[in-house]
Amino acid sequence: MLVSTDPASNLQDVFELELSNKGTKIPNVEGLVVANFDPVEAANDYKESIVGPYSGKLPD
């Protein structure tokens, strides 16, 4: 897996694919997965995955 956290990452240009926090398989390169992490979005996704299931079930 190739990962970038650089806000000015050019991985999308190199691979000519839209990239996100989710891994994207690179066509014609067996086993290569690339992700372009937005640190704020990744933290929010993680927080939601932990807190979300309890939302509305526990007191604030």
PDB file of N, CA and C in Angstrom:
ATOM      1  N   MET A   1       0.849  -1.175   0.000  1.00  0.00           N
ATOM      2  CA  MET A   1       0.000   0.000   0.000  1.00  0.00           C
ATOM      3  C   MET A   1       0.890   1.231   0.000  1.00  0.00           C
ATOM      4  N   LEU A   2       0.552   2.166  -0.838  1.00  0.00           N
ATOM      5  CA  LEU A   2       1.229   3.457  -0.917  1.00  0.00           C
ATOM      6  C   LEU A   2       0.265   4.501  -0.378  1.00  0.00           C
ATOM      7  N   VAL A   3       0.719   5.278   0.626  1.00  0.00           N
ATOM      8  CA  VAL A   3      -0.141   6.251   1.291  1.00  0.00           C
ATOM      9  C   VAL A   3       0.541   7.608   1.307  1.00  0.00           C
ATOM     10  N   SER A   4      -0.251   8.648   1.083  1.00  0.00           N
ATOM     11  CA  SER A   4       0.247  10.010   1.222  1.00  0.00           C
ATOM     12  C   SER A   4      -0.661  10.773   2.173  1.00  0.00           C
ATOM     13  N   THR A   5      -0.060  11.594   3.023  1.00  0.00           N
ATOM     14  CA  THR A   5      -0.821  12.497   3.890  1.00  0.00           C
ATOM     15  C   THR A   5      -0.517  13.951   3.540  1.00  0.00           C
ATOM     16  N   ASP A   6       0.209  14.143   2.481  1.00  0.00           N
ATOM     17  CA  ASP A   6       0.592  15.485   2.035  1.00  0.00           C
ATOM     18  C   ASP A   6      -0.614  16.185   1.407  1.00  0.00           C
ATOM     19  N   PRO A   7      -1.029  17.352   1.941  1.00  0.00           N
ATOM     20  CA  PRO A   7      -2.169  18.074   1.353  1.00  0.00           C
ATOM     21  C   PRO A   7      -1.945  18.444  -0.111  1.00  0.00           C
ATOM     22  N   ALA A   8      -0.690  18.550  -0.528  1.00  0.00           N
ATOM     23  CA  ALA A   8      -0.388  18.894  -1.917  1.00  0.00           C
ATOM     24  C   ALA A   8       0.077  17.662  -2.697  1.00  0.00           C
ATOM     25  N   SER A   9      -0.362  16.498  -2.275  1.00  0.00           N
ATOM     26  CA  SER A   9       0.047  15.250  -2.912  1.00  0.00           C
ATOM     27  C   SER A   9      -0.302  15.247  -4.396  1.00  0.00           C
ATOM     28  N   ASN A  10       0.584  14.648  -5.179  1.00  0.00           N
ATOM     29  CA  ASN A  10       0.310  14.544  -6.612  1.00  0.00           C
ATOM     30  C   ASN A  10       0.086  13.099  -7.036  1.00  0.00           C
ATOM     31  N   LEU A  11      -0.230  12.229  -6.067  1.00  0.00           N
ATOM     32  CA  LEU A  11      -0.470  10.826  -6.406  1.00  0.00           C
ATOM     33  C   LEU A  11      -1.612  10.667  -7.399  1.00  0.00           C
ATOM     34  N   GLN A  12      -2.631  11.505  -7.291  1.00  0.00           N
ATOM     35  CA  GLN A  12      -3.750  11.437  -8.238  1.00  0.00           C
ATOM     36  C   GLN A  12      -3.262  11.700  -9.650  1.00  0.00           C
ATOM     37  N   ASP A  13      -2.319  12.611  -9.795  1.00  0.00           N
ATOM     38  CA  ASP A  13      -1.774  12.922 -11.117  1.00  0.00           C
ATOM     39  C   ASP A  13      -0.898  11.783 -11.630  1.00  0.00           C
ATOM     40  N   VAL A  14      -0.099  11.212 -10.738  1.00  0.00           N
ATOM     41  CA  VAL A  14       0.807  10.127 -11.133  1.00  0.00           C
ATOM     42  C   VAL A  14       0.024   8.924 -11.638  1.00  0.00           C
ATOM     43  N   PHE A  15      -1.028   8.543 -10.906  1.00  0.00           N
ATOM     44  CA  PHE A  15      -1.792   7.354 -11.267  1.00  0.00           C
ATOM     45  C   PHE A  15      -3.025   7.658 -12.113  1.00  0.00           C
ATOM     46  N   GLU A  16      -3.290   8.934 -12.351  1.00  0.00           N
ATOM     47  CA  GLU A  16      -4.431   9.376 -13.155  1.00  0.00           C
ATOM     48  C   GLU A  16      -5.746   8.754 -12.668  1.00  0.00           C
ATOM     49  N   LEU A  17      -5.905   8.767 -11.325  1.00  0.00           N
ATOM     50  CA  LEU A  17      -7.115   8.257 -10.679  1.00  0.00           C
ATOM     51  C   LEU A  17      -7.516   9.198  -9.566  1.00  0.00           C
ATOM     52  N   GLU A  18      -8.817   9.233  -9.287  1.00  0.00           N
ATOM     53  CA  GLU A  18      -9.306   9.989  -8.132  1.00  0.00           C
ATOM     54  C   GLU A  18      -9.026   9.146  -6.895  1.00  0.00           C
ATOM     55  N   LEU A  19      -8.317   9.698  -5.916  1.00  0.00           N
ATOM     56  CA  LEU A  19      -7.953   8.967  -4.709  1.00  0.00           C
ATOM     57  C   LEU A  19      -8.622   9.578  -3.497  1.00  0.00           C
ATOM     58  N   SER A  20      -8.774   8.765  -2.445  1.00  0.00           N
ATOM     59  CA  SER A  20      -9.406   9.231  -1.214  1.00  0.00           C
ATOM     60  C   SER A  20      -8.759   8.527  -0.030  1.00  0.00           C
ATOM     61  N   ASN A  21      -9.408   8.634   1.143  1.00  0.00           N
ATOM     62  CA  ASN A  21      -8.917   7.949   2.340  1.00  0.00           C
ATOM     63  C   ASN A  21      -9.056   6.439   2.215  1.00  0.00           C
ATOM     64  N   LYS A  22      -9.914   5.995   1.337  1.00  0.00           N
ATOM     65  CA  LYS A  22     -10.100   4.565   1.108  1.00  0.00           C
ATOM     66  C   LYS A  22      -9.068   4.113   0.078  1.00  0.00           C
ATOM     67  N   GLY A  23      -8.530   2.954   0.247  1.00  0.00           N
ATOM     68  CA  GLY A  23      -7.549   2.443  -0.709  1.00  0.00           C
ATOM     69  C   GLY A  23      -8.160   2.207  -2.081  1.00  0.00           C
ATOM     70  N   THR A  24      -7.404   2.543  -3.115  1.00  0.00           N
ATOM     71  CA  THR A  24      -7.825   2.333  -4.497  1.00  0.00           C
ATOM     72  C   THR A  24      -6.847   1.381  -5.154  1.00  0.00           C
ATOM     73  N   LYS A  25      -7.349   0.273  -5.711  1.00  0.00           N
ATOM     74  CA  LYS A  25      -6.489  -0.657  -6.429  1.00  0.00           C
ATOM     75  C   LYS A  25      -6.033  -0.002  -7.733  1.00  0.00           C
ATOM     76  N   ILE A  26      -4.755  -0.159  -8.028  1.00  0.00           N
ATOM     77  CA  ILE A  26      -4.191   0.410  -9.248  1.00  0.00           C
ATOM     78  C   ILE A  26      -4.274  -0.638 -10.350  1.00  0.00           C
ATOM     79  N   PRO A  27      -4.987  -0.301 -11.422  1.00  0.00           N
ATOM     80  CA  PRO A  27      -5.097  -1.259 -12.523  1.00  0.00           C
ATOM     81  C   PRO A  27      -3.717  -1.576 -13.106  1.00  0.00           C
ATOM     82  N   ASN A  28      -3.550  -2.791 -13.520  1.00  0.00           N
ATOM     83  CA  ASN A  28      -2.321  -3.266 -14.176  1.00  0.00           C
ATOM     84  C   ASN A  28      -1.102  -3.325 -13.262  1.00  0.00           C
ATOM     85  N   VAL A  29      -1.280  -3.095 -11.955  1.00  0.00           N
ATOM     86  CA  VAL A  29      -0.175  -3.240 -11.002  1.00  0.00           C
ATOM     87  C   VAL A  29      -0.694  -4.140  -9.881  1.00  0.00           C
ATOM     88  N   GLU A  30      -0.484  -5.430 -10.039  1.00  0.00           N
ATOM     89  CA  GLU A  30      -1.044  -6.403  -9.110  1.00  0.00           C
ATOM     90  C   GLU A  30      -0.598  -6.144  -7.671  1.00  0.00           C
ATOM     91  N   GLY A  31      -1.574  -6.057  -6.779  1.00  0.00           N
ATOM     92  CA  GLY A  31      -1.295  -5.910  -5.357  1.00  0.00           C
ATOM     93  C   GLY A  31      -1.039  -4.487  -4.882  1.00  0.00           C
ATOM     94  N   LEU A  32      -1.048  -3.497  -5.780  1.00  0.00           N
ATOM     95  CA  LEU A  32      -0.788  -2.122  -5.354  1.00  0.00           C
ATOM     96  C   LEU A  32      -2.097  -1.403  -5.061  1.00  0.00           C
ATOM     97  N   VAL A  33      -2.171  -0.878  -3.835  1.00  0.00           N
ATOM     98  CA  VAL A  33      -3.312  -0.083  -3.397  1.00  0.00           C
ATOM     99  C   VAL A  33      -2.773   1.268  -2.951  1.00  0.00           C
ATOM    100  N   VAL A  34      -3.439   2.348  -3.360  1.00  0.00           N
ATOM    101  CA  VAL A  34      -2.967   3.707  -3.072  1.00  0.00           C
ATOM    102  C   VAL A  34      -4.076   4.487  -2.365  1.00  0.00           C
ATOM    103  N   ALA A  35      -3.687   5.274  -1.357  1.00  0.00           N
ATOM    104  CA  ALA A  35      -4.632   6.140  -0.647  1.00  0.00           C
ATOM    105  C   ALA A  35      -4.012   7.512  -0.458  1.00  0.00           C
ATOM    106  N   ASN A  36      -4.820   8.519  -0.570  1.00  0.00           N
ATOM    107  CA  ASN A  36      -4.394   9.904  -0.378  1.00  0.00           C
ATOM    108  C   ASN A  36      -5.177  10.442   0.812  1.00  0.00           C
ATOM    109  N   PHE A  37      -4.597  10.313   2.015  1.00  0.00           N
ATOM    110  CA  PHE A  37      -5.305  10.639   3.247  1.00  0.00           C
ATOM    111  C   PHE A  37      -5.392  12.133   3.511  1.00  0.00           C
ATOM    112  N   ASP A  38      -6.600  12.575   3.789  1.00  0.00           N
ATOM    113  CA  ASP A  38      -6.834  13.897   4.352  1.00  0.00           C
ATOM    114  C   ASP A  38      -6.893  13.646   5.857  1.00  0.00           C
ATOM    115  N   PRO A  39      -5.895  14.109   6.623  1.00  0.00           N
ATOM    116  CA  PRO A  39      -5.836  13.788   8.052  1.00  0.00           C
ATOM    117  C   PRO A  39      -7.088  14.183   8.831  1.00  0.00           C
ATOM    118  N   VAL A  40      -7.691  15.305   8.522  1.00  0.00           N
ATOM    119  CA  VAL A  40      -8.898  15.747   9.235  1.00  0.00           C
ATOM    120  C   VAL A  40     -10.063  14.816   8.905  1.00  0.00           C
ATOM    121  N   GLU A  41     -10.237  14.501   7.640  1.00  0.00           N
ATOM    122  CA  GLU A  41     -11.321  13.601   7.229  1.00  0.00           C
ATOM    123  C   GLU A  41     -11.115  12.204   7.820  1.00  0.00           C
ATOM    124  N   ALA A  42      -9.877  11.724   7.825  1.00  0.00           N
ATOM    125  CA  ALA A  42      -9.587  10.400   8.389  1.00  0.00           C
ATOM    126  C   ALA A  42      -9.899  10.369   9.888  1.00  0.00           C
ATOM    127  N   ALA A  43      -9.557  11.422  10.600  1.00  0.00           N
ATOM    128  CA  ALA A  43      -9.843  11.482  12.041  1.00  0.00           C
ATOM    129  C   ALA A  43     -11.345  11.516  12.289  1.00  0.00           C
ATOM    130  N   ASN A  44     -12.069  12.280  11.490  1.00  0.00           N
ATOM    131  CA  ASN A  44     -13.533  12.343  11.638  1.00  0.00           C
ATOM    132  C   ASN A  44     -14.181  10.997  11.320  1.00  0.00           C
ATOM    133  N   ASP A  45     -13.691  10.316  10.277  1.00  0.00           N
ATOM    134  CA  ASP A  45     -14.219   8.994   9.939  1.00  0.00           C
ATOM    135  C   ASP A  45     -13.984   8.015  11.082  1.00  0.00           C
ATOM    136  N   TYR A  46     -12.796   8.049  11.660  1.00  0.00           N
ATOM    137  CA  TYR A  46     -12.478   7.150  12.774  1.00  0.00           C
ATOM    138  C   TYR A  46     -13.366   7.455  13.982  1.00  0.00           C
ATOM    139  N   LYS A  47     -13.498   8.740  14.302  1.00  0.00           N
ATOM    140  CA  LYS A  47     -14.335   9.143  15.433  1.00  0.00           C
ATOM    141  C   LYS A  47     -15.766   8.648  15.226  1.00  0.00           C
ATOM    142  N   GLU A  48     -16.296   8.823  14.035  1.00  0.00           N
ATOM    143  CA  GLU A  48     -17.667   8.397  13.748  1.00  0.00           C
ATOM    144  C   GLU A  48     -17.802   6.881  13.854  1.00  0.00           C
ATOM    145  N   SER A  49     -16.769   6.138  13.450  1.00  0.00           N
ATOM    146  CA  SER A  49     -16.849   4.682  13.523  1.00  0.00           C
ATOM    147  C   SER A  49     -16.877   4.192  14.968  1.00  0.00           C
ATOM    148  N   ILE A  50     -16.290   4.957  15.884  1.00  0.00           N
ATOM    149  CA  ILE A  50     -16.255   4.582  17.300  1.00  0.00           C
ATOM    150  C   ILE A  50     -17.488   5.118  18.045  1.00  0.00           C
ATOM    151  N   VAL A  51     -17.823   6.373  17.829  1.00  0.00           N
ATOM    152  CA  VAL A  51     -18.899   7.034  18.567  1.00  0.00           C
ATOM    153  C   VAL A  51     -20.266   6.808  17.917  1.00  0.00           C
ATOM    154  N   GLY A  52     -20.299   6.735  16.609  1.00  0.00           N
ATOM    155  CA  GLY A  52     -21.555   6.643  15.859  1.00  0.00           C
ATOM    156  C   GLY A  52     -22.522   5.572  16.329  1.00  0.00           C
ATOM    157  N   PRO A  53     -22.051   4.343  16.557  1.00  0.00           N
ATOM    158  CA  PRO A  53     -22.990   3.296  16.974  1.00  0.00           C
ATOM    159  C   PRO A  53     -23.698   3.589  18.309  1.00  0.00           C
ATOM    160  N   TYR A  54     -23.146   4.480  19.121  1.00  0.00           N
ATOM    161  CA  TYR A  54     -23.735   4.792  20.422  1.00  0.00           C
ATOM    162  C   TYR A  54     -24.538   6.098  20.404  1.00  0.00           C
ATOM    163  N   SER A  55     -24.534   6.772  19.281  1.00  0.00           N
ATOM    164  CA  SER A  55     -25.246   8.032  19.172  1.00  0.00           C
ATOM    165  C   SER A  55     -26.733   7.824  19.424  1.00  0.00           C
ATOM    166  N   GLY A  56     -27.285   8.605  20.360  1.00  0.00           N
ATOM    167  CA  GLY A  56     -28.693   8.526  20.699  1.00  0.00           C
ATOM    168  C   GLY A  56     -29.040   7.412  21.671  1.00  0.00           C
ATOM    169  N   LYS A  57     -28.052   6.604  22.045  1.00  0.00           N
ATOM    170  CA  LYS A  57     -28.312   5.496  22.972  1.00  0.00           C
ATOM    171  C   LYS A  57     -27.798   5.778  24.373  1.00  0.00           C
ATOM    172  N   LEU A  58     -26.866   6.702  24.482  1.00  0.00           N
ATOM    173  CA  LEU A  58     -26.286   7.064  25.773  1.00  0.00           C
ATOM    174  C   LEU A  58     -26.587   8.526  26.060  1.00  0.00           C
ATOM    175  N   PRO A  59     -26.614   8.915  27.336  1.00  0.00           N
ATOM    176  CA  PRO A  59     -26.794  10.330  27.641  1.00  0.00           C
ATOM    177  C   PRO A  59     -25.651  11.172  27.067  1.00  0.00           C
ATOM    178  N   ASP A  60     -25.971  12.398  26.684  1.00  0.00           N
ATOM    179  CA  ASP A  60     -24.942  13.298  26.152  1.00  0.00           C
ATOM    180  C   ASP A  60     -23.843  13.485  27.178  1.00  0.00           C
TER     181      ASP A  60
END
